[in-house]
């Protein structure tokens, strides 16, 4: 038994640690290079989409020449238009239903009066009219996370006393554009519920982010005809609107609110985040042709309801740029930073393995020469 045991071959590692260095270096180098090449195309597309954590606030202030119709004057003997300072606030958040393919955005927007200019003196809004809110909406839209286009249910609430209005055929983007967009496409306007093209109007820089200026021109729209805006129609005695030849002061007249606007979106070119906005709004009450008849005074009558330019404040621009940076960071990490780092380490591993093989071959050759000389 002992002789048989002594004649059996020895068992042990077939490769020494030194012999494994080169193959390991080649394997790791090839693995890292493969990861560097595949990481961007495989992981990148999953990150180039609207996140499920959208929560963005935008605050805008009005221009100095803003004028509004005093809403409290509706119950007074005559309409009154005042200069005012306005502020618009909007918060956009992601809500349910949302999943890997779609996200539902809810945007609550309110336009209100901070102060009025009355008889040359600035007065707090509450001292002039107890209702400072001029307009408020809650917009819910489900969009595709990759294209940022509506793809599901959409509804808009214009008045807390009435149910939301369904928008089944909604087209155009409102609150975000896709990552790395080339064609901005169309814009959906919440106030008039219509789709208009987004026109490129140059590029600029906001807080270190390169943004495209995209313009949406909202044509003159009769909000009274839409039947959803609580401000859409006013019926008052003719004397409330003014003095019209041939029209009795006590005759009741109905005027419809017309709205037109130009909206500039400043969109981060890399991520599609709307960093800032600028909105020119003109609203006025007019008598419908059937109401005005052939009376030129009624036909040409215009009662201003709102005239302003809203521009985002400094903090909103900073927050918008930060949101763009935050959204771009993981995409940049996966598609640029990590591939470059992994590729460099992989190349170094391959070079290291090749150098080790070369030096080992030279050393072994010298040892063989030494054996022959002996």
Foldseek 3Di string as FASTA:
>chain_A
DVVVVVPDDDDDDPDDPLRVQLVVLLVLLVVLLVLLVVLQVPCLVLLQFADQFDKAKFKWKWDQAKKAWDPVCLPPLATDIWGFIKMKMKIKGWDPPDDSWKTKIKIKMWMFTQWTQDPNDTDGPCVRPVDGTDWIKIKIFMATGAAQWGDDWIWMATDPVDDTHTDGPQTAHDFWGTFLDDARAWHADPQQRDIFGWAWDAWDDFPRFIWTKTKGWFDKDFSLVVVRHPVFKRKDFCVRHHDAPPHDRRDIFMWGKIKIKMKIFTARNGRGGRLWMKMWIWMWTAGDCVRCPPRVCRRPDTHTRITIMITTDSVSNVSSVVVVCVSCVVSCCRNPVSSVVSNVSSVVSNVVSVVSVVVVVVVVVVVVVVVVVD
